[in-house]
Every structure is written in structure tokens, then in C-alpha cells.
């Protein structure tokens, strides 16, 4: 019975319709890239801040994200977030309060994601495609600060690390905030990926920094550019 249903679902007569729909999606993807490139090219230097949409305002990591964004804004850097609640809202709030650039790259989802109110009116962009949104995170950031989160946060983290590792983007700082959250993953990367399976190189362990405070996270960003004599890309 299940085999029959599968066959019916993939009858040859359905493929032209599916292919036509895919072709039109190309233009939707192009439109999102064009809007993203056009609007984000004018935002000035920013840091992408990633983290859970489910973190509540009374949680320590919410408060830490707000503090990080505020301190970055005090020193001339704006923030880019996923535009939603939780850690994203906290980071936008910190930048908003300090009158720094507060950018939100919102994703249209059937649940959980709604743009927070602390994004600058001219810096909110809504996306339908996750992969287009991730390109914008990476292309227009001076660095990446990652607080605790779920699958989406890990996706964004490893996207950033992969691009830096493979030299598909400039060598930007990647900062993990919250040792109690990240230590288990970092130990697994070191003990299993590196030492046991040899799936990464020893130097890959230096692609990211692990910190515990807002001050440490912010200093790592500026120390990176100081040590490598690099300038921000705006």
C-alpha cells in the first residue's frame, strides 16, 4: 500500500509542474539576494550575533547579549541578528539603546519567528530562504559572536567556521560565549574530530575563541584586528 502511494506521488506527469515551480523560485532567490546586497552594503561595520530565539529576558545569556551589543555600539560597531526574539532581540536592544546600527535579518517561519521591535526601521529585511539569509550574515559582518542556541545557531556557527577554514571568506573572529554551554562541544571537536578521527587540522582549533563574559567577547573582536593589522571591511 505504501509503495503504491509513493509511486502515485512521483508519477512522471507531475514532474513538469514541479520543475516549473523550481524554475520560478530562482527569481525569488535572486530578488532576495539583490535586496540584501543593496541594503546591507550601506550599514557600516557590524558584528553578527547568533543565539537562541527561546531565551527569555530574565536569562543571563539574554542580558549578556544585550551587554555585548551595547559595548560594541559604544565602540562604533553595529550588530546583525536574525531579527527574532530571544538572544537576537537582546542584541538588537543593546544596539538600539546605544544608538548603534541595529540590523535584523528575519526569516519567515510558521512559528517562533517574528521580528523584534528594536531593529532600525531601514535595517529590517525579511527572508524566505535560509541560505540567502546566511550569506548576508557572513558577507557583511566583521566578526561572529555566538551565544547558546539550538540547531539554527549551530548551523550559523559551523557555516562561519567552514567559510573561514576553507578561505572562502576573510579570516574573521568567531567568538563562543558561555563556557558551560560550549565546553562539551569543544572537547568533542578536539578529542574526537581532531585527535581520534583526524577530520580537522590542529590549527583549526584556533578558528574560534571561547569566552565567558561580555567584556571578553568584545575585546576579542578588537584584539583580533589589532593583532593581524587588519582593518574593518567598511
C-alpha atoms as a PDB file:
ATOM      1  CA  UNK A   1       0.000   0.000   0.000  1.00  0.00           C
ATOM      2  CA  UNK A   2       2.761   2.440   0.928  1.00  0.00           C
ATOM      3  CA  UNK A   3       4.652   1.513  -2.241  1.00  0.00           C
ATOM      4  CA  UNK A   4       1.605   2.394  -4.325  1.00  0.00           C
ATOM      5  CA  UNK A   5       1.278   5.787  -2.641  1.00  0.00           C
ATOM      6  CA  UNK A   6       4.930   6.560  -3.317  1.00  0.00           C
ATOM      7  CA  UNK A   7       4.531   5.629  -6.969  1.00  0.00           C
ATOM      8  CA  UNK A   8       1.468   7.844  -7.323  1.00  0.00           C
ATOM      9  CA  UNK A   9       3.230  10.749  -5.638  1.00  0.00           C
ATOM     10  CA  UNK A  10       6.057  10.579  -8.156  1.00  0.00           C
ATOM     11  CA  UNK A  11       4.218   9.869 -11.372  1.00  0.00           C
ATOM     12  CA  UNK A  12       6.029  11.268 -14.386  1.00  0.00           C
ATOM     13  CA  UNK A  13       3.114  13.566 -15.259  1.00  0.00           C
ATOM     14  CA  UNK A  14       3.787  15.562 -12.060  1.00  0.00           C
ATOM     15  CA  UNK A  15       7.400  16.395 -12.837  1.00  0.00           C
ATOM     16  CA  UNK A  16       6.823  19.230 -15.364  1.00  0.00           C
ATOM     17  CA  UNK A  17       4.779  21.091 -12.753  1.00  0.00           C
ATOM     18  CA  UNK A  18       7.436  20.583 -10.091  1.00  0.00           C
ATOM     19  CA  UNK A  19      10.242  21.682 -12.402  1.00  0.00           C
ATOM     20  CA  UNK A  20       8.325  24.780 -13.459  1.00  0.00           C
ATOM     21  CA  UNK A  21       7.825  25.756  -9.815  1.00  0.00           C
ATOM     22  CA  UNK A  22      11.536  25.276  -9.113  1.00  0.00           C
ATOM     23  CA  UNK A  23      12.452  27.483 -12.060  1.00  0.00           C
ATOM     24  CA  UNK A  24      10.302  30.351 -10.791  1.00  0.00           C
ATOM     25  CA  UNK A  25      11.895  30.019  -7.359  1.00  0.00           C
ATOM     26  CA  UNK A  26      15.184  31.076  -8.950  1.00  0.00           C
ATOM     27  CA  UNK A  27      13.765  34.552  -9.451  1.00  0.00           C
ATOM     28  CA  UNK A  28      12.587  34.711  -5.836  1.00  0.00           C
ATOM     29  CA  UNK A  29      16.069  33.757  -4.678  1.00  0.00           C
ATOM     30  CA  UNK A  30      17.618  36.388  -6.952  1.00  0.00           C
ATOM     31  CA  UNK A  31      15.259  39.035  -5.602  1.00  0.00           C
ATOM     32  CA  UNK A  32      16.294  38.272  -2.015  1.00  0.00           C
ATOM     33  CA  UNK A  33      19.988  38.464  -2.926  1.00  0.00           C
ATOM     34  CA  UNK A  34      19.535  41.779  -4.728  1.00  0.00           C
ATOM     35  CA  UNK A  35      17.622  43.359  -1.840  1.00  0.00           C
ATOM     36  CA  UNK A  36      20.074  42.025   0.717  1.00  0.00           C
ATOM     37  CA  UNK A  37      23.170  43.231  -1.136  1.00  0.00           C
ATOM     38  CA  UNK A  38      21.650  46.616  -1.870  1.00  0.00           C
ATOM     39  CA  UNK A  39      20.524  47.396   1.661  1.00  0.00           C
ATOM     40  CA  UNK A  40      23.318  45.819   3.678  1.00  0.00           C
ATOM     41  CA  UNK A  41      26.069  47.465   1.649  1.00  0.00           C
ATOM     42  CA  UNK A  42      25.165  50.702   3.453  1.00  0.00           C
ATOM     43  CA  UNK A  43      25.019  49.538   7.076  1.00  0.00           C
ATOM     44  CA  UNK A  44      28.616  50.223   8.108  1.00  0.00           C
ATOM     45  CA  UNK A  45      30.797  47.910  10.258  1.00  0.00           C
ATOM     46  CA  UNK A  46      28.791  45.327  12.225  1.00  0.00           C
ATOM     47  CA  UNK A  47      29.212  42.074  14.129  1.00  0.00           C
ATOM     48  CA  UNK A  48      26.796  39.172  13.656  1.00  0.00           C
ATOM     49  CA  UNK A  49      25.400  37.904  16.964  1.00  0.00           C
ATOM     50  CA  UNK A  50      23.812  34.442  16.955  1.00  0.00           C
ATOM     51  CA  UNK A  51      21.819  32.660  19.663  1.00  0.00           C
ATOM     52  CA  UNK A  52      18.559  31.032  20.642  1.00  0.00           C
ATOM     53  CA  UNK A  53      15.175  32.542  19.834  1.00  0.00           C
ATOM     54  CA  UNK A  54      13.833  30.890  23.000  1.00  0.00           C
ATOM     55  CA  UNK A  55      15.994  32.648  25.597  1.00  0.00           C
ATOM     56  CA  UNK A  56      13.861  34.725  27.972  1.00  0.00           C
ATOM     57  CA  UNK A  57      14.636  38.331  29.040  1.00  0.00           C
ATOM     58  CA  UNK A  58      15.441  37.265  32.608  1.00  0.00           C
ATOM     59  CA  UNK A  59      18.058  34.721  31.482  1.00  0.00           C
ATOM     60  CA  UNK A  60      21.740  35.522  31.989  1.00  0.00           C
ATOM     61  CA  UNK A  61      22.555  34.958  28.317  1.00  0.00           C
ATOM     62  CA  UNK A  62      19.846  37.391  27.216  1.00  0.00           C
ATOM     63  CA  UNK A  63      21.382  40.028  29.479  1.00  0.00           C
ATOM     64  CA  UNK A  64      24.860  39.153  28.261  1.00  0.00           C
ATOM     65  CA  UNK A  65      23.851  39.500  24.601  1.00  0.00           C
ATOM     66  CA  UNK A  66      22.358  42.907  25.361  1.00  0.00           C
ATOM     67  CA  UNK A  67      25.563  43.964  27.139  1.00  0.00           C
ATOM     68  CA  UNK A  68      27.773  42.736  24.288  1.00  0.00           C
ATOM     69  CA  UNK A  69      25.752  44.676  21.716  1.00  0.00           C
ATOM     70  CA  UNK A  70      25.796  47.785  23.842  1.00  0.00           C
ATOM     71  CA  UNK A  71      29.573  47.637  24.293  1.00  0.00           C
ATOM     72  CA  UNK A  72      30.125  47.031  20.581  1.00  0.00           C
ATOM     73  CA  UNK A  73      27.940  50.023  19.754  1.00  0.00           C
ATOM     74  CA  UNK A  74      29.831  52.207  22.216  1.00  0.00           C
ATOM     75  CA  UNK A  75      32.967  51.497  20.193  1.00  0.00           C
ATOM     76  CA  UNK A  76      31.440  52.092  16.785  1.00  0.00           C
ATOM     77  CA  UNK A  77      30.261  48.654  15.689  1.00  0.00           C
ATOM     78  CA  UNK A  78      26.634  47.819  14.988  1.00  0.00           C
ATOM     79  CA  UNK A  79      25.073  44.375  15.251  1.00  0.00           C
ATOM     80  CA  UNK A  80      23.412  41.994  12.835  1.00  0.00           C
ATOM     81  CA  UNK A  81      20.988  39.420  14.218  1.00  0.00           C
ATOM     82  CA  UNK A  82      18.373  37.021  12.907  1.00  0.00           C
ATOM     83  CA  UNK A  83      15.790  39.645  13.815  1.00  0.00           C
ATOM     84  CA  UNK A  84      13.667  37.447  16.065  1.00  0.00           C
ATOM     85  CA  UNK A  85      13.126  37.073  19.836  1.00  0.00           C
ATOM     86  CA  UNK A  86      15.485  35.724  22.487  1.00  0.00           C
ATOM     87  CA  UNK A  87      19.210  36.362  22.058  1.00  0.00           C
ATOM     88  CA  UNK A  88      18.507  38.157  18.783  1.00  0.00           C
ATOM     89  CA  UNK A  89      16.129  40.587  20.466  1.00  0.00           C
ATOM     90  CA  UNK A  90      18.620  41.177  23.274  1.00  0.00           C
ATOM     91  CA  UNK A  91      21.393  42.072  20.847  1.00  0.00           C
ATOM     92  CA  UNK A  92      19.166  44.413  18.858  1.00  0.00           C
ATOM     93  CA  UNK A  93      18.015  46.004  22.111  1.00  0.00           C
ATOM     94  CA  UNK A  94      21.590  46.677  23.244  1.00  0.00           C
ATOM     95  CA  UNK A  95      22.488  48.308  19.944  1.00  0.00           C
ATOM     96  CA  UNK A  96      19.220  50.250  19.838  1.00  0.00           C
ATOM     97  CA  UNK A  97      19.731  51.667  23.334  1.00  0.00           C
ATOM     98  CA  UNK A  98      23.240  52.808  22.458  1.00  0.00           C
ATOM     99  CA  UNK A  99      22.088  54.251  19.119  1.00  0.00           C
ATOM    100  CA  UNK A 100      24.265  51.858  17.148  1.00  0.00           C
ATOM    101  CA  UNK A 101      23.262  50.175  13.899  1.00  0.00           C
ATOM    102  CA  UNK A 102      20.676  47.509  14.738  1.00  0.00           C
ATOM    103  CA  UNK A 103      20.178  45.157  11.798  1.00  0.00           C
ATOM    104  CA  UNK A 104      17.655  42.311  11.672  1.00  0.00           C
ATOM    105  CA  UNK A 105      17.638  39.577   9.038  1.00  0.00           C
ATOM    106  CA  UNK A 106      14.306  37.986   9.799  1.00  0.00           C
ATOM    107  CA  UNK A 107      13.224  34.617   8.404  1.00  0.00           C
ATOM    108  CA  UNK A 108       9.586  33.878   7.603  1.00  0.00           C
ATOM    109  CA  UNK A 109       8.588  30.780   9.588  1.00  0.00           C
ATOM    110  CA  UNK A 110       5.241  29.210  10.501  1.00  0.00           C
ATOM    111  CA  UNK A 111       6.138  29.532  14.204  1.00  0.00           C
ATOM    112  CA  UNK A 112       8.518  31.140  16.672  1.00  0.00           C
ATOM    113  CA  UNK A 113       9.991  33.874  14.474  1.00  0.00           C
ATOM    114  CA  UNK A 114       8.621  37.398  14.453  1.00  0.00           C
ATOM    115  CA  UNK A 115      10.740  40.498  14.038  1.00  0.00           C
ATOM    116  CA  UNK A 116      11.571  42.179  17.345  1.00  0.00           C
ATOM    117  CA  UNK A 117      10.853  45.906  17.853  1.00  0.00           C
ATOM    118  CA  UNK A 118      14.486  47.024  18.373  1.00  0.00           C
ATOM    119  CA  UNK A 119      15.612  46.809  14.753  1.00  0.00           C
ATOM    120  CA  UNK A 120      16.197  50.078  12.892  1.00  0.00           C
ATOM    121  CA  UNK A 121      13.305  50.715  10.521  1.00  0.00           C
ATOM    122  CA  UNK A 122      15.579  50.835   7.484  1.00  0.00           C
ATOM    123  CA  UNK A 123      17.580  47.778   8.527  1.00  0.00           C
ATOM    124  CA  UNK A 124      14.942  45.055   8.748  1.00  0.00           C
ATOM    125  CA  UNK A 125      14.967  42.556   5.887  1.00  0.00           C
ATOM    126  CA  UNK A 126      12.623  39.574   5.680  1.00  0.00           C
ATOM    127  CA  UNK A 127      13.822  36.382   4.007  1.00  0.00           C
ATOM    128  CA  UNK A 128      12.111  33.219   2.830  1.00  0.00           C
ATOM    129  CA  UNK A 129      15.306  31.275   2.160  1.00  0.00           C
ATOM    130  CA  UNK A 130      17.660  30.330   4.971  1.00  0.00           C
ATOM    131  CA  UNK A 131      20.679  30.044   2.685  1.00  0.00           C
ATOM    132  CA  UNK A 132      20.272  33.567   1.294  1.00  0.00           C
ATOM    133  CA  UNK A 133      19.966  34.904   4.830  1.00  0.00           C
ATOM    134  CA  UNK A 134      23.155  33.113   5.893  1.00  0.00           C
ATOM    135  CA  UNK A 135      25.078  34.679   3.028  1.00  0.00           C
ATOM    136  CA  UNK A 136      24.094  38.104   4.345  1.00  0.00           C
ATOM    137  CA  UNK A 137      25.187  37.200   7.878  1.00  0.00           C
ATOM    138  CA  UNK A 138      28.615  36.207   6.630  1.00  0.00           C
ATOM    139  CA  UNK A 139      29.249  38.770   3.914  1.00  0.00           C
ATOM    140  CA  UNK A 140      28.510  41.904   5.904  1.00  0.00           C
ATOM    141  CA  UNK A 141      29.963  41.058   9.334  1.00  0.00           C
ATOM    142  CA  UNK A 142      33.300  41.983  10.884  1.00  0.00           C
ATOM    143  CA  UNK A 143      33.066  39.032  13.243  1.00  0.00           C
ATOM    144  CA  UNK A 144      30.725  36.444  14.720  1.00  0.00           C
ATOM    145  CA  UNK A 145      29.695  36.213  18.363  1.00  0.00           C
ATOM    146  CA  UNK A 146      27.767  33.055  19.184  1.00  0.00           C
ATOM    147  CA  UNK A 147      25.765  32.609  22.366  1.00  0.00           C
ATOM    148  CA  UNK A 148      23.960  29.399  23.397  1.00  0.00           C
ATOM    149  CA  UNK A 149      21.274  28.243  20.999  1.00  0.00           C
ATOM    150  CA  UNK A 150      19.777  25.331  19.120  1.00  0.00           C
ATOM    151  CA  UNK A 151      20.119  23.808  15.662  1.00  0.00           C
ATOM    152  CA  UNK A 152      19.878  27.158  13.871  1.00  0.00           C
ATOM    153  CA  UNK A 153      22.651  28.644  15.988  1.00  0.00           C
ATOM    154  CA  UNK A 154      24.895  25.642  15.350  1.00  0.00           C
ATOM    155  CA  UNK A 155      24.150  25.890  11.636  1.00  0.00           C
ATOM    156  CA  UNK A 156      25.256  29.526  11.595  1.00  0.00           C
ATOM    157  CA  UNK A 157      28.331  28.788  13.710  1.00  0.00           C
ATOM    158  CA  UNK A 158      29.614  25.976  11.516  1.00  0.00           C
ATOM    159  CA  UNK A 159      28.819  27.931   8.365  1.00  0.00           C
ATOM    160  CA  UNK A 160      31.109  30.698   9.627  1.00  0.00           C
ATOM    161  CA  UNK A 161      33.851  28.270  10.681  1.00  0.00           C
ATOM    162  CA  UNK A 162      33.712  26.395   7.372  1.00  0.00           C
ATOM    163  CA  UNK A 163      33.997  29.584   5.313  1.00  0.00           C
ATOM    164  CA  UNK A 164      36.983  30.797   7.337  1.00  0.00           C
ATOM    165  CA  UNK A 165      38.627  27.348   7.357  1.00  0.00           C
ATOM    166  CA  UNK A 166      38.337  26.973   3.573  1.00  0.00           C
ATOM    167  CA  UNK A 167      39.336  30.619   2.985  1.00  0.00           C
ATOM    168  CA  UNK A 168      36.082  31.347   1.199  1.00  0.00           C
ATOM    169  CA  UNK A 169      35.815  34.445   3.370  1.00  0.00           C
ATOM    170  CA  UNK A 170      38.295  36.655   5.193  1.00  0.00           C
ATOM    171  CA  UNK A 171      39.732  35.392   8.459  1.00  0.00           C
ATOM    172  CA  UNK A 172      37.152  36.938  10.781  1.00  0.00           C
ATOM    173  CA  UNK A 173      36.972  36.319  14.546  1.00  0.00           C
ATOM    174  CA  UNK A 174      34.467  33.705  15.762  1.00  0.00           C
ATOM    175  CA  UNK A 175      33.695  34.003  19.481  1.00  0.00           C
ATOM    176  CA  UNK A 176      31.762  31.426  21.521  1.00  0.00           C
ATOM    177  CA  UNK A 177      30.219  32.912  24.676  1.00  0.00           C
ATOM    178  CA  UNK A 178      29.413  30.691  27.664  1.00  0.00           C
ATOM    179  CA  UNK A 179      31.955  28.031  28.565  1.00  0.00           C
ATOM    180  CA  UNK A 180      29.470  25.892  30.484  1.00  0.00           C
ATOM    181  CA  UNK A 181      27.389  25.580  27.321  1.00  0.00           C
ATOM    182  CA  UNK A 182      30.160  25.162  24.732  1.00  0.00           C
ATOM    183  CA  UNK A 183      32.827  23.180  26.624  1.00  0.00           C
ATOM    184  CA  UNK A 184      31.296  19.786  25.807  1.00  0.00           C
ATOM    185  CA  UNK A 185      31.206  20.547  22.084  1.00  0.00           C
ATOM    186  CA  UNK A 186      34.719  21.988  22.084  1.00  0.00           C
ATOM    187  CA  UNK A 187      36.044  18.892  23.902  1.00  0.00           C
ATOM    188  CA  UNK A 188      34.347  16.661  21.315  1.00  0.00           C
ATOM    189  CA  UNK A 189      35.845  18.664  18.456  1.00  0.00           C
ATOM    190  CA  UNK A 190      39.304  18.351  19.995  1.00  0.00           C
ATOM    191  CA  UNK A 191      39.183  14.767  21.249  1.00  0.00           C
ATOM    192  CA  UNK A 192      37.112  13.135  18.513  1.00  0.00           C
ATOM    193  CA  UNK A 193      37.225  15.225  15.354  1.00  0.00           C
ATOM    194  CA  UNK A 194      40.878  16.198  15.721  1.00  0.00           C
ATOM    195  CA  UNK A 195      42.768  13.620  17.775  1.00  0.00           C
ATOM    196  CA  UNK A 196      40.748  10.450  17.180  1.00  0.00           C
ATOM    197  CA  UNK A 197      39.415  10.786  13.629  1.00  0.00           C
ATOM    198  CA  UNK A 198      41.798  13.432  12.224  1.00  0.00           C
ATOM    199  CA  UNK A 199      38.906  15.126  10.432  1.00  0.00           C
ATOM    200  CA  UNK A 200      40.305  18.602  11.085  1.00  0.00           C
ATOM    201  CA  UNK A 201      43.813  20.055  11.411  1.00  0.00           C
ATOM    202  CA  UNK A 202      45.369  21.218  14.716  1.00  0.00           C
ATOM    203  CA  UNK A 203      45.313  24.826  13.508  1.00  0.00           C
ATOM    204  CA  UNK A 204      41.534  24.619  13.081  1.00  0.00           C
ATOM    205  CA  UNK A 205      41.207  24.739  16.859  1.00  0.00           C
ATOM    206  CA  UNK A 206      42.326  28.371  16.608  1.00  0.00           C
ATOM    207  CA  UNK A 207      39.493  29.367  14.295  1.00  0.00           C
ATOM    208  CA  UNK A 208      37.350  30.261  17.310  1.00  0.00           C
ATOM    209  CA  UNK A 209      37.740  31.631  20.836  1.00  0.00           C
ATOM    210  CA  UNK A 210      35.830  30.558  23.932  1.00  0.00           C
ATOM    211  CA  UNK A 211      34.966  33.268  26.489  1.00  0.00           C
ATOM    212  CA  UNK A 212      32.702  33.764  29.479  1.00  0.00           C
ATOM    213  CA  UNK A 213      31.937  37.480  29.704  1.00  0.00           C
ATOM    214  CA  UNK A 214      30.670  40.333  27.561  1.00  0.00           C
ATOM    215  CA  UNK A 215      33.923  42.249  28.014  1.00  0.00           C
ATOM    216  CA  UNK A 216      35.967  39.260  26.834  1.00  0.00           C
ATOM    217  CA  UNK A 217      33.787  38.808  23.757  1.00  0.00           C
ATOM    218  CA  UNK A 218      34.083  42.453  22.732  1.00  0.00           C
ATOM    219  CA  UNK A 219      37.828  42.606  23.402  1.00  0.00           C
ATOM    220  CA  UNK A 220      38.405  39.512  21.281  1.00  0.00           C
ATOM    221  CA  UNK A 221      36.867  41.310  18.304  1.00  0.00           C
ATOM    222  CA  UNK A 222      39.079  44.366  18.598  1.00  0.00           C
ATOM    223  CA  UNK A 223      42.160  42.396  19.649  1.00  0.00           C
ATOM    224  CA  UNK A 224      41.823  40.283  16.515  1.00  0.00           C
ATOM    225  CA  UNK A 225      42.097  43.285  14.211  1.00  0.00           C
ATOM    226  CA  UNK A 226      44.903  44.731  16.296  1.00  0.00           C
ATOM    227  CA  UNK A 227      46.977  41.523  16.185  1.00  0.00           C
ATOM    228  CA  UNK A 228      46.524  40.920  12.479  1.00  0.00           C
ATOM    229  CA  UNK A 229      46.832  44.579  11.494  1.00  0.00           C
ATOM    230  CA  UNK A 230      43.615  44.268   9.566  1.00  0.00           C
ATOM    231  CA  UNK A 231      41.029  46.965   9.092  1.00  0.00           C
ATOM    232  CA  UNK A 232      37.277  46.607   9.265  1.00  0.00           C
ATOM    233  CA  UNK A 233      35.777  45.990   5.846  1.00  0.00           C
ATOM    234  CA  UNK A 234      33.868  49.277   5.630  1.00  0.00           C
END
